[in-house]
Amino acid sequence: MKKIAVVTGAASGIGAAIARALSKQLYDLVLVGRNVEALSAAAGDIKSQTPECQVLCQQADLTNAEDREAILDCFVAEGY
């Protein structure tokens, strides 16, 4: 079974550290945060260190209901 983790606040700090740790355990990741440039940078870092992991970025503000629904739509579109 494929291991998948959704990490919020993944652009920096604790969220980014959690994402890196999960990638080393070969989780596929959905990185969620407000800053798309920082998310992309975090994803690039993870992919370079653990190329066998799939990493998807989703820009979202979790205080916004439409953004939370967009995360679910992203899962469906990507086949999770």
PDB file of N, CA and C in Angstrom:
ATOM      1  N   MET A   1       0.837  -1.176   0.000  1.00  0.00           N
ATOM      2  CA  MET A   1       0.000   0.000   0.000  1.00  0.00           C
ATOM      3  C   MET A   1       0.884   1.243   0.000  1.00  0.00           C
ATOM      4  N   LYS A   2       0.518   2.212  -0.822  1.00  0.00           N
ATOM      5  CA  LYS A   2       1.262   3.457  -0.933  1.00  0.00           C
ATOM      6  C   LYS A   2       1.019   4.312   0.303  1.00  0.00           C
ATOM      7  N   LYS A   3       2.099   4.869   0.855  1.00  0.00           N
ATOM      8  CA  LYS A   3       1.989   5.763   2.014  1.00  0.00           C
ATOM      9  C   LYS A   3       1.941   7.196   1.506  1.00  0.00           C
ATOM     10  N   ILE A   4       0.916   7.928   1.934  1.00  0.00           N
ATOM     11  CA  ILE A   4       0.727   9.302   1.508  1.00  0.00           C
ATOM     12  C   ILE A   4       0.532  10.167   2.746  1.00  0.00           C
ATOM     13  N   ALA A   5       1.183  11.322   2.760  1.00  0.00           N
ATOM     14  CA  ALA A   5       1.020  12.265   3.875  1.00  0.00           C
ATOM     15  C   ALA A   5       0.710  13.643   3.317  1.00  0.00           C
ATOM     16  N   VAL A   6      -0.211  14.324   3.974  1.00  0.00           N
ATOM     17  CA  VAL A   6      -0.499  15.720   3.672  1.00  0.00           C
ATOM     18  C   VAL A   6       0.161  16.532   4.775  1.00  0.00           C
ATOM     19  N   VAL A   7       1.030  17.453   4.381  1.00  0.00           N
ATOM     20  CA  VAL A   7       1.753  18.256   5.364  1.00  0.00           C
ATOM     21  C   VAL A   7       1.359  19.716   5.166  1.00  0.00           C
ATOM     22  N   THR A   8       0.721  20.279   6.172  1.00  0.00           N
ATOM     23  CA  THR A   8       0.343  21.691   6.105  1.00  0.00           C
ATOM     24  C   THR A   8       1.483  22.534   6.665  1.00  0.00           C
ATOM     25  N   GLY A   9       1.564  23.755   6.187  1.00  0.00           N
ATOM     26  CA  GLY A   9       2.665  24.623   6.609  1.00  0.00           C
ATOM     27  C   GLY A   9       3.997  24.110   6.116  1.00  0.00           C
ATOM     28  N   ALA A  10       3.983  23.441   4.967  1.00  0.00           N
ATOM     29  CA  ALA A  10       5.162  22.721   4.482  1.00  0.00           C
ATOM     30  C   ALA A  10       6.195  23.611   3.801  1.00  0.00           C
ATOM     31  N   ALA A  11       5.908  24.885   3.662  1.00  0.00           N
ATOM     32  CA  ALA A  11       6.832  25.772   2.967  1.00  0.00           C
ATOM     33  C   ALA A  11       8.089  26.068   3.774  1.00  0.00           C
ATOM     34  N   SER A  12       7.981  25.994   5.098  1.00  0.00           N
ATOM     35  CA  SER A  12       9.145  26.316   5.926  1.00  0.00           C
ATOM     36  C   SER A  12       8.947  25.774   7.337  1.00  0.00           C
ATOM     37  N   GLY A  13       9.982  25.922   8.140  1.00  0.00           N
ATOM     38  CA  GLY A  13       9.899  25.582   9.559  1.00  0.00           C
ATOM     39  C   GLY A  13       9.590  24.128   9.850  1.00  0.00           C
ATOM     40  N   ILE A  14       8.750  23.931  10.851  1.00  0.00           N
ATOM     41  CA  ILE A  14       8.416  22.581  11.307  1.00  0.00           C
ATOM     42  C   ILE A  14       7.741  21.774  10.205  1.00  0.00           C
ATOM     43  N   GLY A  15       6.831  22.403   9.453  1.00  0.00           N
ATOM     44  CA  GLY A  15       6.152  21.693   8.371  1.00  0.00           C
ATOM     45  C   GLY A  15       7.121  21.163   7.335  1.00  0.00           C
ATOM     46  N   ALA A  16       8.098  21.970   6.941  1.00  0.00           N
ATOM     47  CA  ALA A  16       9.101  21.527   5.968  1.00  0.00           C
ATOM     48  C   ALA A  16       9.959  20.405   6.542  1.00  0.00           C
ATOM     49  N   ALA A  17      10.303  20.507   7.811  1.00  0.00           N
ATOM     50  CA  ALA A  17      11.114  19.458   8.454  1.00  0.00           C
ATOM     51  C   ALA A  17      10.338  18.147   8.521  1.00  0.00           C
ATOM     52  N   ILE A  18       9.058  18.226   8.824  1.00  0.00           N
ATOM     53  CA  ILE A  18       8.222  17.015   8.861  1.00  0.00           C
ATOM     54  C   ILE A  18       8.151  16.395   7.472  1.00  0.00           C
ATOM     55  N   ALA A  19       7.969  17.230   6.444  1.00  0.00           N
ATOM     56  CA  ALA A  19       7.905  16.713   5.071  1.00  0.00           C
ATOM     57  C   ALA A  19       9.197  15.999   4.693  1.00  0.00           C
ATOM     58  N   ARG A  20      10.340  16.592   5.036  1.00  0.00           N
ATOM     59  CA  ARG A  20      11.629  15.941   4.731  1.00  0.00           C
ATOM     60  C   ARG A  20      11.757  14.610   5.459  1.00  0.00           C
ATOM     61  N   ALA A  21      11.354  14.571   6.721  1.00  0.00           N
ATOM     62  CA  ALA A  21      11.448  13.326   7.493  1.00  0.00           C
ATOM     63  C   ALA A  21      10.541  12.247   6.900  1.00  0.00           C
ATOM     64  N   LEU A  22       9.345  12.622   6.489  1.00  0.00           N
ATOM     65  CA  LEU A  22       8.427  11.643   5.901  1.00  0.00           C
ATOM     66  C   LEU A  22       8.933  11.142   4.546  1.00  0.00           C
ATOM     67  N   SER A  23       9.569  12.020   3.791  1.00  0.00           N
ATOM     68  CA  SER A  23      10.094  11.590   2.490  1.00  0.00           C
ATOM     69  C   SER A  23      11.187  10.538   2.669  1.00  0.00           C
ATOM     70  N   LYS A  24      11.966  10.665   3.725  1.00  0.00           N
ATOM     71  CA  LYS A  24      13.010   9.671   3.992  1.00  0.00           C
ATOM     72  C   LYS A  24      12.415   8.316   4.356  1.00  0.00           C
ATOM     73  N   GLN A  25      11.154   8.324   4.790  1.00  0.00           N
ATOM     74  CA  GLN A  25      10.437   7.076   5.068  1.00  0.00           C
ATOM     75  C   GLN A  25       9.610   6.647   3.850  1.00  0.00           C
ATOM     76  N   LEU A  26       9.888   7.294   2.708  1.00  0.00           N
ATOM     77  CA  LEU A  26       9.295   6.982   1.405  1.00  0.00           C
ATOM     78  C   LEU A  26       7.791   7.229   1.325  1.00  0.00           C
ATOM     79  N   TYR A  27       7.328   8.240   2.019  1.00  0.00           N
ATOM     80  CA  TYR A  27       5.953   8.692   1.848  1.00  0.00           C
ATOM     81  C   TYR A  27       5.870   9.534   0.589  1.00  0.00           C
ATOM     82  N   ASP A  28       4.781   9.412  -0.149  1.00  0.00           N
ATOM     83  CA  ASP A  28       4.459  10.395  -1.161  1.00  0.00           C
ATOM     84  C   ASP A  28       3.825  11.558  -0.414  1.00  0.00           C
ATOM     85  N   LEU A  29       4.079  12.780  -0.887  1.00  0.00           N
ATOM     86  CA  LEU A  29       3.691  13.953  -0.113  1.00  0.00           C
ATOM     87  C   LEU A  29       2.810  14.908  -0.887  1.00  0.00           C
ATOM     88  N   VAL A  30       1.883  15.508  -0.171  1.00  0.00           N
ATOM     89  CA  VAL A  30       1.145  16.663  -0.650  1.00  0.00           C
ATOM     90  C   VAL A  30       1.533  17.798   0.292  1.00  0.00           C
ATOM     91  N   LEU A  31       2.264  18.759  -0.249  1.00  0.00           N
ATOM     92  CA  LEU A  31       2.725  19.885   0.547  1.00  0.00           C
ATOM     93  C   LEU A  31       1.707  21.015   0.406  1.00  0.00           C
ATOM     94  N   VAL A  32       1.221  21.521   1.533  1.00  0.00           N
ATOM     95  CA  VAL A  32       0.199  22.561   1.534  1.00  0.00           C
ATOM     96  C   VAL A  32       0.731  23.790   2.261  1.00  0.00           C
ATOM     97  N   GLY A  33       0.503  24.944   1.657  1.00  0.00           N
ATOM     98  CA  GLY A  33       0.908  26.194   2.285  1.00  0.00           C
ATOM     99  C   GLY A  33       0.421  27.378   1.476  1.00  0.00           C
ATOM    100  N   ARG A  34       0.635  28.560   1.995  1.00  0.00           N
ATOM    101  CA  ARG A  34       0.165  29.773   1.321  1.00  0.00           C
ATOM    102  C   ARG A  34       1.161  30.307   0.296  1.00  0.00           C
ATOM    103  N   ASN A  35       2.435  30.051   0.489  1.00  0.00           N
ATOM    104  CA  ASN A  35       3.471  30.623  -0.366  1.00  0.00           C
ATOM    105  C   ASN A  35       3.906  29.592  -1.410  1.00  0.00           C
ATOM    106  N   VAL A  36       3.411  29.747  -2.630  1.00  0.00           N
ATOM    107  CA  VAL A  36       3.658  28.752  -3.666  1.00  0.00           C
ATOM    108  C   VAL A  36       5.140  28.667  -4.043  1.00  0.00           C
ATOM    109  N   GLU A  37       5.855  29.783  -4.018  1.00  0.00           N
ATOM    110  CA  GLU A  37       7.285  29.750  -4.358  1.00  0.00           C
ATOM    111  C   GLU A  37       8.064  28.944  -3.319  1.00  0.00           C
ATOM    112  N   ALA A  38       7.761  29.171  -2.048  1.00  0.00           N
ATOM    113  CA  ALA A  38       8.444  28.427  -0.984  1.00  0.00           C
ATOM    114  C   ALA A  38       8.061  26.953  -1.017  1.00  0.00           C
ATOM    115  N   LEU A  39       6.802  26.650  -1.345  1.00  0.00           N
ATOM    116  CA  LEU A  39       6.384  25.248  -1.477  1.00  0.00           C
ATOM    117  C   LEU A  39       7.165  24.563  -2.595  1.00  0.00           C
ATOM    118  N   SER A  40       7.289  25.252  -3.720  1.00  0.00           N
ATOM    119  CA  SER A  40       8.024  24.683  -4.852  1.00  0.00           C
ATOM    120  C   SER A  40       9.487  24.440  -4.501  1.00  0.00           C
ATOM    121  N   ALA A  41      10.064  25.359  -3.758  1.00  0.00           N
ATOM    122  CA  ALA A  41      11.454  25.183  -3.332  1.00  0.00           C
ATOM    123  C   ALA A  41      11.593  23.990  -2.393  1.00  0.00           C
ATOM    124  N   ALA A  42      10.660  23.858  -1.456  1.00  0.00           N
ATOM    125  CA  ALA A  42      10.688  22.719  -0.532  1.00  0.00           C
ATOM    126  C   ALA A  42      10.514  21.409  -1.295  1.00  0.00           C
ATOM    127  N   ALA A  43       9.604  21.413  -2.268  1.00  0.00           N
ATOM    128  CA  ALA A  43       9.380  20.204  -3.072  1.00  0.00           C
ATOM    129  C   ALA A  43      10.633  19.844  -3.863  1.00  0.00           C
ATOM    130  N   GLY A  44      11.288  20.845  -4.444  1.00  0.00           N
ATOM    131  CA  GLY A  44      12.522  20.593  -5.193  1.00  0.00           C
ATOM    132  C   GLY A  44      13.604  20.008  -4.314  1.00  0.00           C
ATOM    133  N   ASP A  45      13.720  20.518  -3.103  1.00  0.00           N
ATOM    134  CA  ASP A  45      14.701  20.009  -2.152  1.00  0.00           C
ATOM    135  C   ASP A  45      14.423  18.540  -1.821  1.00  0.00           C
ATOM    136  N   ILE A  46      13.161  18.242  -1.566  1.00  0.00           N
ATOM    137  CA  ILE A  46      12.783  16.861  -1.226  1.00  0.00           C
ATOM    138  C   ILE A  46      13.024  15.939  -2.411  1.00  0.00           C
ATOM    139  N   LYS A  47      12.617  16.362  -3.603  1.00  0.00           N
ATOM    140  CA  LYS A  47      12.796  15.515  -4.792  1.00  0.00           C
ATOM    141  C   LYS A  47      14.267  15.252  -5.086  1.00  0.00           C
ATOM    142  N   SER A  48      15.120  16.241  -4.820  1.00  0.00           N
ATOM    143  CA  SER A  48      16.544  16.033  -5.087  1.00  0.00           C
ATOM    144  C   SER A  48      17.160  15.057  -4.089  1.00  0.00           C
ATOM    145  N   GLN A  49      16.650  15.044  -2.867  1.00  0.00           N
ATOM    146  CA  GLN A  49      17.184  14.149  -1.839  1.00  0.00           C
ATOM    147  C   GLN A  49      16.535  12.776  -1.866  1.00  0.00           C
ATOM    148  N   THR A  50      15.282  12.709  -2.287  1.00  0.00           N
ATOM    149  CA  THR A  50      14.544  11.446  -2.303  1.00  0.00           C
ATOM    150  C   THR A  50      13.740  11.361  -3.598  1.00  0.00           C
ATOM    151  N   PRO A  51      14.404  11.102  -4.733  1.00  0.00           N
ATOM    152  CA  PRO A  51      13.723  11.149  -6.031  1.00  0.00           C
ATOM    153  C   PRO A  51      12.613  10.113  -6.204  1.00  0.00           C
ATOM    154  N   GLU A  52      12.604   9.071  -5.414  1.00  0.00           N
ATOM    155  CA  GLU A  52      11.566   8.053  -5.556  1.00  0.00           C
ATOM    156  C   GLU A  52      10.226   8.475  -4.946  1.00  0.00           C
ATOM    157  N   CYS A  53      10.211   9.566  -4.227  1.00  0.00           N
ATOM    158  CA  CYS A  53       8.970  10.073  -3.624  1.00  0.00           C
ATOM    159  C   CYS A  53       8.274  11.019  -4.590  1.00  0.00           C
ATOM    160  N   GLN A  54       6.963  10.892  -4.655  1.00  0.00           N
ATOM    161  CA  GLN A  54       6.175  11.850  -5.425  1.00  0.00           C
ATOM    162  C   GLN A  54       5.820  13.008  -4.500  1.00  0.00           C
ATOM    163  N   VAL A  55       5.956  14.208  -5.012  1.00  0.00           N
ATOM    164  CA  VAL A  55       5.671  15.398  -4.211  1.00  0.00           C
ATOM    165  C   VAL A  55       4.760  16.311  -5.013  1.00  0.00           C
ATOM    166  N   LEU A  56       3.633  16.632  -4.428  1.00  0.00           N
ATOM    167  CA  LEU A  56       2.651  17.515  -5.041  1.00  0.00           C
ATOM    168  C   LEU A  56       2.502  18.738  -4.160  1.00  0.00           C
ATOM    169  N   CYS A  57       2.438  19.921  -4.759  1.00  0.00           N
ATOM    170  CA  CYS A  57       2.255  21.156  -3.998  1.00  0.00           C
ATOM    171  C   CYS A  57       0.845  21.677  -4.217  1.00  0.00           C
ATOM    172  N   GLN A  58       0.237  22.156  -3.144  1.00  0.00           N
ATOM    173  CA  GLN A  58      -1.088  22.751  -3.236  1.00  0.00           C
ATOM    174  C   GLN A  58      -1.095  24.035  -2.431  1.00  0.00           C
ATOM    175  N   GLN A  59      -1.242  25.157  -3.132  1.00  0.00           N
ATOM    176  CA  GLN A  59      -1.330  26.432  -2.431  1.00  0.00           C
ATOM    177  C   GLN A  59      -2.716  26.522  -1.797  1.00  0.00           C
ATOM    178  N   ALA A  60      -2.742  26.811  -0.493  1.00  0.00           N
ATOM    179  CA  ALA A  60      -4.019  26.913   0.210  1.00  0.00           C
ATOM    180  C   ALA A  60      -3.837  27.637   1.531  1.00  0.00           C
ATOM    181  N   ASP A  61      -4.889  28.328   1.917  1.00  0.00           N
ATOM    182  CA  ASP A  61      -5.003  28.927   3.242  1.00  0.00           C
ATOM    183  C   ASP A  61      -6.086  28.131   3.956  1.00  0.00           C
ATOM    184  N   LEU A  62      -5.706  27.365   4.940  1.00  0.00           N
ATOM    185  CA  LEU A  62      -6.653  26.436   5.579  1.00  0.00           C
ATOM    186  C   LEU A  62      -7.762  27.133   6.356  1.00  0.00           C
ATOM    187  N   THR A  63      -7.668  28.429   6.526  1.00  0.00           N
ATOM    188  CA  THR A  63      -8.778  29.148   7.153  1.00  0.00           C
ATOM    189  C   THR A  63      -9.884  29.432   6.144  1.00  0.00           C
ATOM    190  N   ASN A  64      -9.631  29.156   4.871  1.00  0.00           N
ATOM    191  CA  ASN A  64     -10.579  29.418   3.793  1.00  0.00           C
ATOM    192  C   ASN A  64     -11.218  28.088   3.356  1.00  0.00           C
ATOM    193  N   ALA A  65     -12.544  28.003   3.459  1.00  0.00           N
ATOM    194  CA  ALA A  65     -13.257  26.758   3.127  1.00  0.00           C
ATOM    195  C   ALA A  65     -13.045  26.355   1.671  1.00  0.00           C
ATOM    196  N   GLU A  66     -13.026  27.317   0.757  1.00  0.00           N
ATOM    197  CA  GLU A  66     -12.810  26.989  -0.653  1.00  0.00           C
ATOM    198  C   GLU A  66     -11.428  26.393  -0.882  1.00  0.00           C
ATOM    199  N   ASP A  67     -10.438  26.894  -0.183  1.00  0.00           N
ATOM    200  CA  ASP A  67      -9.091  26.343  -0.298  1.00  0.00           C
ATOM    201  C   ASP A  67      -9.035  24.909   0.232  1.00  0.00           C
ATOM    202  N   ARG A  68      -9.734  24.649   1.334  1.00  0.00           N
ATOM    203  CA  ARG A  68      -9.758  23.274   1.870  1.00  0.00           C
ATOM    204  C   ARG A  68     -10.399  22.328   0.865  1.00  0.00           C
ATOM    205  N   GLU A  69     -11.453  22.748   0.213  1.00  0.00           N
ATOM    206  CA  GLU A  69     -12.087  21.912  -0.811  1.00  0.00           C
ATOM    207  C   GLU A  69     -11.156  21.705  -1.998  1.00  0.00           C
ATOM    208  N   ALA A  70     -10.369  22.718  -2.325  1.00  0.00           N
ATOM    209  CA  ALA A  70      -9.422  22.595  -3.440  1.00  0.00           C
ATOM    210  C   ALA A  70      -8.388  21.509  -3.159  1.00  0.00           C
ATOM    211  N   ILE A  71      -8.011  21.352  -1.903  1.00  0.00           N
ATOM    212  CA  ILE A  71      -7.067  20.280  -1.545  1.00  0.00           C
ATOM    213  C   ILE A  71      -7.693  18.928  -1.849  1.00  0.00           C
ATOM    214  N   LEU A  72      -8.945  18.746  -1.482  1.00  0.00           N
ATOM    215  CA  LEU A  72      -9.634  17.485  -1.772  1.00  0.00           C
ATOM    216  C   LEU A  72      -9.759  17.266  -3.277  1.00  0.00           C
ATOM    217  N   ASP A  73     -10.075  18.322  -4.017  1.00  0.00           N
ATOM    218  CA  ASP A  73     -10.159  18.213  -5.468  1.00  0.00           C
ATOM    219  C   ASP A  73      -8.813  17.812  -6.064  1.00  0.00           C
ATOM    220  N   CYS A  74      -7.746  18.310  -5.488  1.00  0.00           N
ATOM    221  CA  CYS A  74      -6.398  17.972  -5.933  1.00  0.00           C
ATOM    222  C   CYS A  74      -6.141  16.474  -5.766  1.00  0.00           C
ATOM    223  N   PHE A  75      -6.568  15.923  -4.631  1.00  0.00           N
ATOM    224  CA  PHE A  75      -6.421  14.478  -4.404  1.00  0.00           C
ATOM    225  C   PHE A  75      -7.123  13.677  -5.487  1.00  0.00           C
ATOM    226  N   VAL A  76      -8.336  14.056  -5.777  1.00  0.00           N
ATOM    227  CA  VAL A  76      -9.127  13.337  -6.788  1.00  0.00           C
ATOM    228  C   VAL A  76      -8.455  13.452  -8.148  1.00  0.00           C
ATOM    229  N   ALA A  77      -8.019  14.663  -8.510  1.00  0.00           N
ATOM    230  CA  ALA A  77      -7.413  14.882  -9.825  1.00  0.00           C
ATOM    231  C   ALA A  77      -6.117  14.080  -9.980  1.00  0.00           C
ATOM    232  N   GLU A  78      -5.380  13.913  -8.900  1.00  0.00           N
ATOM    233  CA  GLU A  78      -4.103  13.199  -8.952  1.00  0.00           C
ATOM    234  C   GLU A  78      -4.255  11.696  -8.738  1.00  0.00           C
ATOM    235  N   GLY A  79      -5.465  11.247  -8.481  1.00  0.00           N
ATOM    236  CA  GLY A  79      -5.707   9.813  -8.338  1.00  0.00           C
ATOM    237  C   GLY A  79      -5.390   9.234  -6.972  1.00  0.00           C
ATOM    238  N   TYR A  80      -5.311  10.085  -5.957  1.00  0.00           N
ATOM    239  CA  TYR A  80      -5.083   9.591  -4.611  1.00  0.00           C
ATOM    240  C   TYR A  80      -6.391   9.097  -4.096  1.00  0.00           C
TER     241      TYR A  80
END
